[in-house]
């Protein structure tokens, strides 16, 4: 992920957020009289369900990005499903109760990058 955030701004802006959207590349900053500028880059991407993926926001540079994100998203989903099943079992609800309630849910990742201050 760090590789993406270290790319030139022009490259990152190829997957820039559209106005009012949470997906894509953008910046978050806060400035007030009392504090210095706080800068952070972010990248938001929907992964599940497959029909909500907007691949136009998925970077193609670095080349391994999409494949690595798919693997990561699948592992997070597998882990979350397992946790739901364990909680259900320990609450005496039956192993699949919570899993059945949340299966088919939405999975969205937000990656934040805070570059070192130039001070």
PDB file of N, CA and C in Angstrom:
ATOM      1  N   UNK A   1       0.818  -1.182   0.000  1.00  0.00           N
ATOM      2  CA  UNK A   1       0.000   0.000   0.000  1.00  0.00           C
ATOM      3  C   UNK A   1       0.868   1.255   0.000  1.00  0.00           C
ATOM      4  N   UNK A   2       1.945   1.200   0.746  1.00  0.00           N
ATOM      5  CA  UNK A   2       2.834   2.354   0.818  1.00  0.00           C
ATOM      6  C   UNK A   2       3.386   2.710  -0.563  1.00  0.00           C
ATOM      7  N   UNK A   3       3.603   1.688  -1.383  1.00  0.00           N
ATOM      8  CA  UNK A   3       4.093   1.943  -2.751  1.00  0.00           C
ATOM      9  C   UNK A   3       3.146   2.872  -3.499  1.00  0.00           C
ATOM     10  N   UNK A   4       1.851   2.617  -3.365  1.00  0.00           N
ATOM     11  CA  UNK A   4       0.868   3.462  -4.053  1.00  0.00           C
ATOM     12  C   UNK A   4       0.971   4.898  -3.568  1.00  0.00           C
ATOM     13  N   UNK A   5       1.005   5.103  -2.265  1.00  0.00           N
ATOM     14  CA  UNK A   5       1.010   6.453  -1.728  1.00  0.00           C
ATOM     15  C   UNK A   5       2.290   7.212  -2.039  1.00  0.00           C
ATOM     16  N   UNK A   6       3.359   6.507  -2.346  1.00  0.00           N
ATOM     17  CA  UNK A   6       4.615   7.171  -2.684  1.00  0.00           C
ATOM     18  C   UNK A   6       4.737   7.496  -4.177  1.00  0.00           C
ATOM     19  N   UNK A   7       3.733   7.116  -4.961  1.00  0.00           N
ATOM     20  CA  UNK A   7       3.735   7.449  -6.381  1.00  0.00           C
ATOM     21  C   UNK A   7       3.556   8.957  -6.558  1.00  0.00           C
ATOM     22  N   UNK A   8       3.947   9.486  -7.725  1.00  0.00           N
ATOM     23  CA  UNK A   8       3.706  10.912  -7.997  1.00  0.00           C
ATOM     24  C   UNK A   8       2.207  11.227  -7.945  1.00  0.00           C
ATOM     25  N   UNK A   9       1.886  12.443  -7.559  1.00  0.00           N
ATOM     26  CA  UNK A   9       0.501  12.857  -7.431  1.00  0.00           C
ATOM     27  C   UNK A   9      -0.297  12.603  -8.709  1.00  0.00           C
ATOM     28  N   UNK A  10       0.301  12.847  -9.853  1.00  0.00           N
ATOM     29  CA  UNK A  10      -0.390  12.645 -11.131  1.00  0.00           C
ATOM     30  C   UNK A  10      -0.845  11.200 -11.303  1.00  0.00           C
ATOM     31  N   UNK A  11      -0.035  10.263 -10.833  1.00  0.00           N
ATOM     32  CA  UNK A  11      -0.380   8.838 -10.930  1.00  0.00           C
ATOM     33  C   UNK A  11      -1.524   8.502  -9.980  1.00  0.00           C
ATOM     34  N   UNK A  12      -1.469   9.019  -8.764  1.00  0.00           N
ATOM     35  CA  UNK A  12      -2.520   8.747  -7.782  1.00  0.00           C
ATOM     36  C   UNK A  12      -3.845   9.373  -8.213  1.00  0.00           C
ATOM     37  N   UNK A  13      -3.782  10.513  -8.846  1.00  0.00           N
ATOM     38  CA  UNK A  13      -5.009  11.199  -9.265  1.00  0.00           C
ATOM     39  C   UNK A  13      -5.740  10.481 -10.398  1.00  0.00           C
ATOM     40  N   UNK A  14      -5.118   9.485 -10.995  1.00  0.00           N
ATOM     41  CA  UNK A  14      -5.804   8.674 -12.015  1.00  0.00           C
ATOM     42  C   UNK A  14      -6.988   7.915 -11.407  1.00  0.00           C
ATOM     43  N   UNK A  15      -6.943   7.707 -10.094  1.00  0.00           N
ATOM     44  CA  UNK A  15      -8.031   7.009  -9.402  1.00  0.00           C
ATOM     45  C   UNK A  15      -8.660   7.926  -8.348  1.00  0.00           C
ATOM     46  N   UNK A  16      -8.705   9.209  -8.641  1.00  0.00           N
ATOM     47  CA  UNK A  16      -9.194  10.208  -7.682  1.00  0.00           C
ATOM     48  C   UNK A  16     -10.677  10.043  -7.390  1.00  0.00           C
ATOM     49  N   UNK A  17     -11.049  10.398  -6.177  1.00  0.00           N
ATOM     50  CA  UNK A  17     -12.453  10.400  -5.768  1.00  0.00           C
ATOM     51  C   UNK A  17     -13.232  11.394  -6.617  1.00  0.00           C
ATOM     52  N   UNK A  18     -14.469  11.065  -6.863  1.00  0.00           N
ATOM     53  CA  UNK A  18     -15.388  12.002  -7.481  1.00  0.00           C
ATOM     54  C   UNK A  18     -16.080  12.770  -6.358  1.00  0.00           C
ATOM     55  N   UNK A  19     -16.568  13.928  -6.647  1.00  0.00           N
ATOM     56  CA  UNK A  19     -17.233  14.744  -5.641  1.00  0.00           C
ATOM     57  C   UNK A  19     -18.366  13.964  -4.965  1.00  0.00           C
ATOM     58  N   UNK A  20     -18.338  13.958  -3.639  1.00  0.00           N
ATOM     59  CA  UNK A  20     -19.382  13.282  -2.876  1.00  0.00           C
ATOM     60  C   UNK A  20     -19.210  11.781  -2.755  1.00  0.00           C
ATOM     61  N   UNK A  21     -18.123  11.227  -3.271  1.00  0.00           N
ATOM     62  CA  UNK A  21     -17.881   9.788  -3.224  1.00  0.00           C
ATOM     63  C   UNK A  21     -16.856   9.449  -2.150  1.00  0.00           C
ATOM     64  N   UNK A  22     -16.914   8.211  -1.647  1.00  0.00           N
ATOM     65  CA  UNK A  22     -15.915   7.767  -0.669  1.00  0.00           C
ATOM     66  C   UNK A  22     -14.858   6.881  -1.300  1.00  0.00           C
ATOM     67  N   UNK A  23     -15.130   6.415  -2.511  1.00  0.00           N
ATOM     68  CA  UNK A  23     -14.152   5.552  -3.169  1.00  0.00           C
ATOM     69  C   UNK A  23     -13.161   6.381  -3.968  1.00  0.00           C
ATOM     70  N   UNK A  24     -11.940   5.848  -4.040  1.00  0.00           N
ATOM     71  CA  UNK A  24     -10.897   6.490  -4.803  1.00  0.00           C
ATOM     72  C   UNK A  24      -9.881   7.178  -3.906  1.00  0.00           C
ATOM     73  N   UNK A  25      -8.937   7.847  -4.561  1.00  0.00           N
ATOM     74  CA  UNK A  25      -7.845   8.534  -3.871  1.00  0.00           C
ATOM     75  C   UNK A  25      -8.262   9.958  -3.530  1.00  0.00           C
ATOM     76  N   UNK A  26      -7.887  10.399  -2.346  1.00  0.00           N
ATOM     77  CA  UNK A  26      -8.147  11.773  -1.943  1.00  0.00           C
ATOM     78  C   UNK A  26      -7.253  12.171  -0.791  1.00  0.00           C
ATOM     79  N   UNK A  27      -7.442  13.376  -0.355  1.00  0.00           N
ATOM     80  CA  UNK A  27      -6.671  13.892   0.772  1.00  0.00           C
ATOM     81  C   UNK A  27      -7.635  14.360   1.852  1.00  0.00           C
ATOM     82  N   UNK A  28      -7.153  14.264   3.059  1.00  0.00           N
ATOM     83  CA  UNK A  28      -7.896  14.794   4.204  1.00  0.00           C
ATOM     84  C   UNK A  28      -6.951  15.719   4.944  1.00  0.00           C
ATOM     85  N   UNK A  29      -7.391  16.914   5.187  1.00  0.00           N
ATOM     86  CA  UNK A  29      -6.553  17.820   5.951  1.00  0.00           C
ATOM     87  C   UNK A  29      -7.419  18.683   6.847  1.00  0.00           C
ATOM     88  N   UNK A  30      -6.801  19.117   7.941  1.00  0.00           N
ATOM     89  CA  UNK A  30      -7.459  19.989   8.902  1.00  0.00           C
ATOM     90  C   UNK A  30      -6.513  21.146   9.146  1.00  0.00           C
ATOM     91  N   UNK A  31      -7.040  22.334   9.070  1.00  0.00           N
ATOM     92  CA  UNK A  31      -6.213  23.497   9.350  1.00  0.00           C
ATOM     93  C   UNK A  31      -6.993  24.443  10.243  1.00  0.00           C
ATOM     94  N   UNK A  32      -6.348  24.890  11.276  1.00  0.00           N
ATOM     95  CA  UNK A  32      -6.964  25.865  12.162  1.00  0.00           C
ATOM     96  C   UNK A  32      -5.890  26.835  12.610  1.00  0.00           C
ATOM     97  N   UNK A  33      -6.298  27.888  13.252  1.00  0.00           N
ATOM     98  CA  UNK A  33      -5.340  28.882  13.756  1.00  0.00           C
ATOM     99  C   UNK A  33      -4.417  28.268  14.804  1.00  0.00           C
ATOM    100  N   UNK A  34      -4.920  27.271  15.548  1.00  0.00           N
ATOM    101  CA  UNK A  34      -4.171  26.709  16.665  1.00  0.00           C
ATOM    102  C   UNK A  34      -3.246  25.555  16.296  1.00  0.00           C
ATOM    103  N   UNK A  35      -3.369  25.006  15.108  1.00  0.00           N
ATOM    104  CA  UNK A  35      -2.538  23.849  14.778  1.00  0.00           C
ATOM    105  C   UNK A  35      -1.962  23.975  13.380  1.00  0.00           C
ATOM    106  N   UNK A  36      -0.905  23.217  13.164  1.00  0.00           N
ATOM    107  CA  UNK A  36      -0.304  23.149  11.843  1.00  0.00           C
ATOM    108  C   UNK A  36      -1.199  22.336  10.932  1.00  0.00           C
ATOM    109  N   UNK A  37      -0.952  22.450   9.670  1.00  0.00           N
ATOM    110  CA  UNK A  37      -1.687  21.651   8.692  1.00  0.00           C
ATOM    111  C   UNK A  37      -1.453  20.173   8.961  1.00  0.00           C
ATOM    112  N   UNK A  38      -2.522  19.429   9.059  1.00  0.00           N
ATOM    113  CA  UNK A  38      -2.456  17.979   9.249  1.00  0.00           C
ATOM    114  C   UNK A  38      -2.860  17.358   7.923  1.00  0.00           C
ATOM    115  N   UNK A  39      -1.952  16.670   7.282  1.00  0.00           N
ATOM    116  CA  UNK A  39      -2.191  16.158   5.938  1.00  0.00           C
ATOM    117  C   UNK A  39      -2.229  14.635   5.960  1.00  0.00           C
ATOM    118  N   UNK A  40      -3.178  14.074   5.262  1.00  0.00           N
ATOM    119  CA  UNK A  40      -3.236  12.632   5.116  1.00  0.00           C
ATOM    120  C   UNK A  40      -3.807  12.269   3.766  1.00  0.00           C
ATOM    121  N   UNK A  41      -3.175  11.321   3.111  1.00  0.00           N
ATOM    122  CA  UNK A  41      -3.711  10.767   1.871  1.00  0.00           C
ATOM    123  C   UNK A  41      -4.577   9.581   2.226  1.00  0.00           C
ATOM    124  N   UNK A  42      -5.600   9.336   1.442  1.00  0.00           N
ATOM    125  CA  UNK A  42      -6.456   8.184   1.704  1.00  0.00           C
ATOM    126  C   UNK A  42      -6.896   7.553   0.393  1.00  0.00           C
ATOM    127  N   UNK A  43      -7.234   6.286   0.490  1.00  0.00           N
ATOM    128  CA  UNK A  43      -7.734   5.536  -0.651  1.00  0.00           C
ATOM    129  C   UNK A  43      -8.856   4.649  -0.143  1.00  0.00           C
ATOM    130  N   UNK A  44     -10.044   4.841  -0.681  1.00  0.00           N
ATOM    131  CA  UNK A  44     -11.195   4.032  -0.295  1.00  0.00           C
ATOM    132  C   UNK A  44     -11.611   3.134  -1.442  1.00  0.00           C
ATOM    133  N   UNK A  45     -11.827   1.849  -1.144  1.00  0.00           N
ATOM    134  CA  UNK A  45     -12.184   0.878  -2.173  1.00  0.00           C
ATOM    135  C   UNK A  45     -13.201  -0.127  -1.648  1.00  0.00           C
ATOM    136  N   UNK A  46     -14.263  -0.317  -2.398  1.00  0.00           N
ATOM    137  CA  UNK A  46     -15.255  -1.340  -2.076  1.00  0.00           C
ATOM    138  C   UNK A  46     -14.810  -2.661  -2.698  1.00  0.00           C
ATOM    139  N   UNK A  47     -14.960  -3.740  -1.924  1.00  0.00           N
ATOM    140  CA  UNK A  47     -14.545  -5.057  -2.413  1.00  0.00           C
ATOM    141  C   UNK A  47     -15.679  -6.070  -2.457  1.00  0.00           C
ATOM    142  N   UNK A  48     -16.672  -5.911  -1.584  1.00  0.00           N
ATOM    143  CA  UNK A  48     -17.795  -6.844  -1.543  1.00  0.00           C
ATOM    144  C   UNK A  48     -19.105  -6.102  -1.308  1.00  0.00           C
ATOM    145  N   UNK A  49     -20.164  -6.584  -1.876  1.00  0.00           N
ATOM    146  CA  UNK A  49     -20.254  -7.673  -2.845  1.00  0.00           C
ATOM    147  C   UNK A  49     -19.629  -7.262  -4.178  1.00  0.00           C
ATOM    148  N   UNK A  50     -19.285  -8.229  -5.002  1.00  0.00           N
ATOM    149  CA  UNK A  50     -18.579  -7.938  -6.255  1.00  0.00           C
ATOM    150  C   UNK A  50     -19.272  -6.916  -7.151  1.00  0.00           C
ATOM    151  N   UNK A  51     -20.586  -6.853  -7.107  1.00  0.00           N
ATOM    152  CA  UNK A  51     -21.283  -5.940  -8.016  1.00  0.00           C
ATOM    153  C   UNK A  51     -21.149  -4.469  -7.627  1.00  0.00           C
ATOM    154  N   UNK A  52     -20.605  -4.157  -6.440  1.00  0.00           N
ATOM    155  CA  UNK A  52     -20.416  -2.751  -6.091  1.00  0.00           C
ATOM    156  C   UNK A  52     -18.981  -2.276  -6.324  1.00  0.00           C
ATOM    157  N   UNK A  53     -18.095  -3.191  -6.706  1.00  0.00           N
ATOM    158  CA  UNK A  53     -16.711  -2.806  -6.991  1.00  0.00           C
ATOM    159  C   UNK A  53     -16.702  -1.819  -8.151  1.00  0.00           C
ATOM    160  N   UNK A  54     -15.981  -0.744  -7.960  1.00  0.00           N
ATOM    161  CA  UNK A  54     -15.797   0.225  -9.036  1.00  0.00           C
ATOM    162  C   UNK A  54     -14.312   0.203  -9.393  1.00  0.00           C
ATOM    163  N   UNK A  55     -13.971  -0.687 -10.308  1.00  0.00           N
ATOM    164  CA  UNK A  55     -12.562  -0.921 -10.636  1.00  0.00           C
ATOM    165  C   UNK A  55     -11.852   0.308 -11.178  1.00  0.00           C
ATOM    166  N   UNK A  56     -12.596   1.306 -11.605  1.00  0.00           N
ATOM    167  CA  UNK A  56     -11.934   2.525 -12.087  1.00  0.00           C
ATOM    168  C   UNK A  56     -11.162   3.211 -10.967  1.00  0.00           C
ATOM    169  N   UNK A  57     -11.517   2.902  -9.707  1.00  0.00           N
ATOM    170  CA  UNK A  57     -10.803   3.475  -8.567  1.00  0.00           C
ATOM    171  C   UNK A  57      -9.679   2.574  -8.056  1.00  0.00           C
ATOM    172  N   UNK A  58      -9.564   1.372  -8.606  1.00  0.00           N
ATOM    173  CA  UNK A  58      -8.530   0.441  -8.169  1.00  0.00           C
ATOM    174  C   UNK A  58      -7.253   0.730  -8.954  1.00  0.00           C
ATOM    175  N   UNK A  59      -6.202   1.147  -8.274  1.00  0.00           N
ATOM    176  CA  UNK A  59      -4.949   1.457  -8.971  1.00  0.00           C
ATOM    177  C   UNK A  59      -4.394   0.261  -9.749  1.00  0.00           C
ATOM    178  N   UNK A  60      -3.795   0.558 -10.872  1.00  0.00           N
ATOM    179  CA  UNK A  60      -3.084  -0.465 -11.647  1.00  0.00           C
ATOM    180  C   UNK A  60      -1.578  -0.335 -11.426  1.00  0.00           C
ATOM    181  N   UNK A  61      -1.183   0.665 -10.692  1.00  0.00           N
ATOM    182  CA  UNK A  61       0.220   0.892 -10.378  1.00  0.00           C
ATOM    183  C   UNK A  61       0.318   1.095  -8.871  1.00  0.00           C
ATOM    184  N   UNK A  62       1.062   0.288  -8.156  1.00  0.00           N
ATOM    185  CA  UNK A  62       1.952  -0.765  -8.629  1.00  0.00           C
ATOM    186  C   UNK A  62       1.165  -1.944  -9.209  1.00  0.00           C
ATOM    187  N   UNK A  63       1.800  -2.682 -10.129  1.00  0.00           N
ATOM    188  CA  UNK A  63       1.105  -3.764 -10.835  1.00  0.00           C
ATOM    189  C   UNK A  63       0.494  -4.847  -9.942  1.00  0.00           C
ATOM    190  N   UNK A  64       1.053  -5.087  -8.790  1.00  0.00           N
ATOM    191  CA  UNK A  64       0.553  -6.137  -7.892  1.00  0.00           C
ATOM    192  C   UNK A  64      -0.605  -5.660  -7.016  1.00  0.00           C
ATOM    193  N   UNK A  65      -0.980  -4.402  -7.111  1.00  0.00           N
ATOM    194  CA  UNK A  65      -1.960  -3.835  -6.186  1.00  0.00           C
ATOM    195  C   UNK A  65      -3.279  -4.588  -6.168  1.00  0.00           C
ATOM    196  N   UNK A  66      -3.891  -4.753  -7.334  1.00  0.00           N
ATOM    197  CA  UNK A  66      -5.224  -5.374  -7.388  1.00  0.00           C
ATOM    198  C   UNK A  66      -5.214  -6.807  -6.866  1.00  0.00           C
ATOM    199  N   UNK A  67      -4.241  -7.574  -7.295  1.00  0.00           N
ATOM    200  CA  UNK A  67      -4.163  -8.967  -6.842  1.00  0.00           C
ATOM    201  C   UNK A  67      -3.958  -9.032  -5.330  1.00  0.00           C
ATOM    202  N   UNK A  68      -3.086  -8.185  -4.806  1.00  0.00           N
ATOM    203  CA  UNK A  68      -2.828  -8.187  -3.365  1.00  0.00           C
ATOM    204  C   UNK A  68      -4.048  -7.738  -2.571  1.00  0.00           C
ATOM    205  N   UNK A  69      -4.775  -6.752  -3.076  1.00  0.00           N
ATOM    206  CA  UNK A  69      -5.971  -6.309  -2.369  1.00  0.00           C
ATOM    207  C   UNK A  69      -7.038  -7.398  -2.364  1.00  0.00           C
ATOM    208  N   UNK A  70      -7.196  -8.094  -3.482  1.00  0.00           N
ATOM    209  CA  UNK A  70      -8.178  -9.198  -3.539  1.00  0.00           C
ATOM    210  C   UNK A  70      -7.838 -10.266  -2.500  1.00  0.00           C
ATOM    211  N   UNK A  71      -6.567 -10.627  -2.409  1.00  0.00           N
ATOM    212  CA  UNK A  71      -6.138 -11.635  -1.432  1.00  0.00           C
ATOM    213  C   UNK A  71      -6.409 -11.138  -0.011  1.00  0.00           C
ATOM    214  N   UNK A  72      -6.055  -9.909   0.243  1.00  0.00           N
ATOM    215  CA  UNK A  72      -6.261  -9.326   1.573  1.00  0.00           C
ATOM    216  C   UNK A  72      -7.746  -9.282   1.924  1.00  0.00           C
ATOM    217  N   UNK A  73      -8.566  -8.826   0.997  1.00  0.00           N
ATOM    218  CA  UNK A  73     -10.012  -8.727   1.232  1.00  0.00           C
ATOM    219  C   UNK A  73     -10.614 -10.104   1.512  1.00  0.00           C
ATOM    220  N   UNK A  74     -10.181 -11.104   0.776  1.00  0.00           N
ATOM    221  CA  UNK A  74     -10.685 -12.464   1.000  1.00  0.00           C
ATOM    222  C   UNK A  74     -10.306 -12.985   2.381  1.00  0.00           C
ATOM    223  N   UNK A  75      -9.085 -12.695   2.817  1.00  0.00           N
ATOM    224  CA  UNK A  75      -8.646 -13.141   4.138  1.00  0.00           C
ATOM    225  C   UNK A  75      -9.382 -12.403   5.247  1.00  0.00           C
ATOM    226  N   UNK A  76      -9.623 -11.117   5.073  1.00  0.00           N
ATOM    227  CA  UNK A  76     -10.377 -10.356   6.072  1.00  0.00           C
ATOM    228  C   UNK A  76     -11.798 -10.911   6.163  1.00  0.00           C
ATOM    229  N   UNK A  77     -12.399 -11.219   5.041  1.00  0.00           N
ATOM    230  CA  UNK A  77     -13.757 -11.788   5.015  1.00  0.00           C
ATOM    231  C   UNK A  77     -13.785 -13.147   5.709  1.00  0.00           C
ATOM    232  N   UNK A  78     -12.808 -13.975   5.402  1.00  0.00           N
ATOM    233  CA  UNK A  78     -12.728 -15.299   6.025  1.00  0.00           C
ATOM    234  C   UNK A  78     -12.582 -15.172   7.544  1.00  0.00           C
ATOM    235  N   UNK A  79     -11.732 -14.261   7.972  1.00  0.00           N
ATOM    236  CA  UNK A  79     -11.524 -14.030   9.401  1.00  0.00           C
ATOM    237  C   UNK A  79     -12.797 -13.506  10.067  1.00  0.00           C
ATOM    238  N   UNK A  80     -13.449 -12.530   9.443  1.00  0.00           N
ATOM    239  CA  UNK A  80     -14.690 -11.971   9.997  1.00  0.00           C
ATOM    240  C   UNK A  80     -15.776 -13.029  10.111  1.00  0.00           C
ATOM    241  N   UNK A  81     -15.907 -13.862   9.079  1.00  0.00           N
ATOM    242  CA  UNK A  81     -16.904 -14.939   9.123  1.00  0.00           C
ATOM    243  C   UNK A  81     -16.616 -15.904  10.272  1.00  0.00           C
ATOM    244  N   UNK A  82     -15.358 -16.237  10.464  1.00  0.00           N
ATOM    245  CA  UNK A  82     -14.976 -17.133  11.551  1.00  0.00           C
ATOM    246  C   UNK A  82     -15.266 -16.534  12.915  1.00  0.00           C
ATOM    247  N   UNK A  83     -14.995 -15.248  13.061  1.00  0.00           N
ATOM    248  CA  UNK A  83     -15.265 -14.576  14.334  1.00  0.00           C
ATOM    249  C   UNK A  83     -16.771 -14.562  14.616  1.00  0.00           C
ATOM    250  N   UNK A  84     -17.570 -14.259  13.597  1.00  0.00           N
ATOM    251  CA  UNK A  84     -19.025 -14.271  13.780  1.00  0.00           C
ATOM    252  C   UNK A  84     -19.526 -15.647  14.218  1.00  0.00           C
ATOM    253  N   UNK A  85     -18.980 -16.691  13.627  1.00  0.00           N
ATOM    254  CA  UNK A  85     -19.393 -18.048  13.989  1.00  0.00           C
ATOM    255  C   UNK A  85     -18.986 -18.393  15.420  1.00  0.00           C
ATOM    256  N   UNK A  86     -17.791 -17.958  15.823  1.00  0.00           N
ATOM    257  CA  UNK A  86     -17.349 -18.235  17.196  1.00  0.00           C
ATOM    258  C   UNK A  86     -18.204 -17.478  18.209  1.00  0.00           C
ATOM    259  N   UNK A  87     -18.514 -16.234  17.914  1.00  0.00           N
ATOM    260  CA  UNK A  87     -19.359 -15.454  18.823  1.00  0.00           C
ATOM    261  C   UNK A  87     -20.734 -16.107  18.951  1.00  0.00           C
ATOM    262  N   UNK A  88     -21.306 -16.487  17.813  1.00  0.00           N
ATOM    263  CA  UNK A  88     -22.620 -17.147  17.833  1.00  0.00           C
ATOM    264  C   UNK A  88     -22.597 -18.405  18.688  1.00  0.00           C
ATOM    265  N   UNK A  89     -21.591 -19.203  18.471  1.00  0.00           N
ATOM    266  CA  UNK A  89     -21.480 -20.454  19.222  1.00  0.00           C
ATOM    267  C   UNK A  89     -21.374 -20.183  20.717  1.00  0.00           C
ATOM    268  N   UNK A  90     -20.522 -19.222  21.081  1.00  0.00           N
ATOM    269  CA  UNK A  90     -20.309 -18.931  22.500  1.00  0.00           C
ATOM    270  C   UNK A  90     -21.512 -18.256  23.150  1.00  0.00           C
ATOM    271  N   UNK A  91     -22.378 -17.644  22.356  1.00  0.00           N
ATOM    272  CA  UNK A  91     -23.604 -17.060  22.898  1.00  0.00           C
ATOM    273  C   UNK A  91     -24.748 -18.069  22.922  1.00  0.00           C
ATOM    274  N   UNK A  92     -24.468 -19.269  22.429  1.00  0.00           N
ATOM    275  CA  UNK A  92     -25.487 -20.304  22.413  1.00  0.00           C
ATOM    276  C   UNK A  92     -26.559 -20.075  21.360  1.00  0.00           C
ATOM    277  N   UNK A  93     -26.228 -19.376  20.305  1.00  0.00           N
ATOM    278  CA  UNK A  93     -27.200 -19.048  19.260  1.00  0.00           C
ATOM    279  C   UNK A  93     -27.195 -20.034  18.103  1.00  0.00           C
ATOM    280  N   UNK A  94     -26.279 -20.938  18.089  1.00  0.00           N
ATOM    281  CA  UNK A  94     -26.081 -21.799  16.925  1.00  0.00           C
ATOM    282  C   UNK A  94     -24.987 -21.187  16.078  1.00  0.00           C
ATOM    283  N   UNK A  95     -24.115 -22.003  15.572  1.00  0.00           N
ATOM    284  CA  UNK A  95     -22.899 -21.541  14.905  1.00  0.00           C
ATOM    285  C   UNK A  95     -23.139 -20.517  13.791  1.00  0.00           C
ATOM    286  N   UNK A  96     -24.173 -20.670  13.009  1.00  0.00           N
ATOM    287  CA  UNK A  96     -24.351 -19.811  11.839  1.00  0.00           C
ATOM    288  C   UNK A  96     -25.303 -18.632  12.039  1.00  0.00           C
ATOM    289  N   UNK A  97     -25.810 -18.417  13.230  1.00  0.00           N
ATOM    290  CA  UNK A  97     -26.823 -17.372  13.446  1.00  0.00           C
ATOM    291  C   UNK A  97     -26.331 -15.982  13.019  1.00  0.00           C
ATOM    292  N   UNK A  98     -25.232 -15.523  13.594  1.00  0.00           N
ATOM    293  CA  UNK A  98     -24.724 -14.190  13.236  1.00  0.00           C
ATOM    294  C   UNK A  98     -24.168 -14.164  11.817  1.00  0.00           C
ATOM    295  N   UNK A  99     -23.523 -15.237  11.417  1.00  0.00           N
ATOM    296  CA  UNK A  99     -23.010 -15.315  10.042  1.00  0.00           C
ATOM    297  C   UNK A  99     -24.147 -15.141   9.051  1.00  0.00           C
ATOM    298  N   UNK A 100     -25.257 -15.825   9.280  1.00  0.00           N
ATOM    299  CA  UNK A 100     -26.412 -15.719   8.382  1.00  0.00           C
ATOM    300  C   UNK A 100     -26.989 -14.302   8.369  1.00  0.00           C
ATOM    301  N   UNK A 101     -26.916 -13.620   9.496  1.00  0.00           N
ATOM    302  CA  UNK A 101     -27.438 -12.251   9.567  1.00  0.00           C
ATOM    303  C   UNK A 101     -26.591 -11.269   8.756  1.00  0.00           C
ATOM    304  N   UNK A 102     -25.280 -11.514   8.697  1.00  0.00           N
ATOM    305  CA  UNK A 102     -24.380 -10.552   8.071  1.00  0.00           C
ATOM    306  C   UNK A 102     -23.819 -10.986   6.720  1.00  0.00           C
ATOM    307  N   UNK A 103     -24.095 -12.225   6.298  1.00  0.00           N
ATOM    308  CA  UNK A 103     -23.544 -12.663   5.016  1.00  0.00           C
ATOM    309  C   UNK A 103     -24.128 -11.782   3.909  1.00  0.00           C
ATOM    310  N   UNK A 104     -23.336 -11.560   2.899  1.00  0.00           N
ATOM    311  CA  UNK A 104     -23.770 -10.690   1.816  1.00  0.00           C
ATOM    312  C   UNK A 104     -23.614  -9.214   2.141  1.00  0.00           C
ATOM    313  N   UNK A 105     -22.942  -8.916   3.237  1.00  0.00           N
ATOM    314  CA  UNK A 105     -22.742  -7.518   3.627  1.00  0.00           C
ATOM    315  C   UNK A 105     -21.730  -6.814   2.738  1.00  0.00           C
ATOM    316  N   UNK A 106     -21.562  -5.561   3.013  1.00  0.00           N
ATOM    317  CA  UNK A 106     -20.646  -4.718   2.230  1.00  0.00           C
ATOM    318  C   UNK A 106     -19.290  -4.686   2.916  1.00  0.00           C
ATOM    319  N   UNK A 107     -18.238  -4.744   2.101  1.00  0.00           N
ATOM    320  CA  UNK A 107     -16.871  -4.640   2.605  1.00  0.00           C
ATOM    321  C   UNK A 107     -16.207  -3.478   1.863  1.00  0.00           C
ATOM    322  N   UNK A 108     -15.809  -2.474   2.629  1.00  0.00           N
ATOM    323  CA  UNK A 108     -15.126  -1.314   2.061  1.00  0.00           C
ATOM    324  C   UNK A 108     -13.880  -1.062   2.889  1.00  0.00           C
ATOM    325  N   UNK A 109     -12.778  -0.826   2.220  1.00  0.00           N
ATOM    326  CA  UNK A 109     -11.522  -0.529   2.902  1.00  0.00           C
ATOM    327  C   UNK A 109     -11.187   0.938   2.726  1.00  0.00           C
ATOM    328  N   UNK A 110     -10.655   1.516   3.780  1.00  0.00           N
ATOM    329  CA  UNK A 110     -10.097   2.864   3.684  1.00  0.00           C
ATOM    330  C   UNK A 110      -8.672   2.778   4.194  1.00  0.00           C
ATOM    331  N   UNK A 111      -7.752   3.111   3.310  1.00  0.00           N
ATOM    332  CA  UNK A 111      -6.335   3.096   3.646  1.00  0.00           C
ATOM    333  C   UNK A 111      -5.886   4.540   3.832  1.00  0.00           C
ATOM    334  N   UNK A 112      -5.219   4.806   4.937  1.00  0.00           N
ATOM    335  CA  UNK A 112      -4.740   6.150   5.245  1.00  0.00           C
ATOM    336  C   UNK A 112      -3.225   6.165   5.241  1.00  0.00           C
ATOM    337  N   UNK A 113      -2.670   7.257   4.749  1.00  0.00           N
ATOM    338  CA  UNK A 113      -1.216   7.429   4.721  1.00  0.00           C
ATOM    339  C   UNK A 113      -0.898   8.828   5.213  1.00  0.00           C
ATOM    340  N   UNK A 114      -0.078   8.903   6.229  1.00  0.00           N
ATOM    341  CA  UNK A 114       0.307  10.185   6.799  1.00  0.00           C
ATOM    342  C   UNK A 114       1.803  10.401   6.561  1.00  0.00           C
ATOM    343  N   UNK A 115       2.126  11.210   5.567  1.00  0.00           N
ATOM    344  CA  UNK A 115       3.548  11.433   5.262  1.00  0.00           C
ATOM    345  C   UNK A 115       4.238  12.164   6.414  1.00  0.00           C
ATOM    346  N   UNK A 116       5.541  11.990   6.472  1.00  0.00           N
ATOM    347  CA  UNK A 116       6.318  12.674   7.504  1.00  0.00           C
ATOM    348  C   UNK A 116       6.197  14.182   7.290  1.00  0.00           C
ATOM    349  N   UNK A 117       6.185  14.883   8.393  1.00  0.00           N
ATOM    350  CA  UNK A 117       6.131  16.338   8.341  1.00  0.00           C
ATOM    351  C   UNK A 117       7.438  16.878   7.780  1.00  0.00           C
ATOM    352  N   UNK A 118       7.348  17.942   7.035  1.00  0.00           N
ATOM    353  CA  UNK A 118       8.564  18.548   6.474  1.00  0.00           C
ATOM    354  C   UNK A 118       9.270  19.434   7.483  1.00  0.00           C
ATOM    355  N   UNK A 119       8.694  19.574   8.687  1.00  0.00           N
ATOM    356  CA  UNK A 119       9.324  20.393   9.743  1.00  0.00           C
ATOM    357  C   UNK A 119      10.539  19.724  10.303  1.00  0.00           C
TER     358      UNK A 119
END
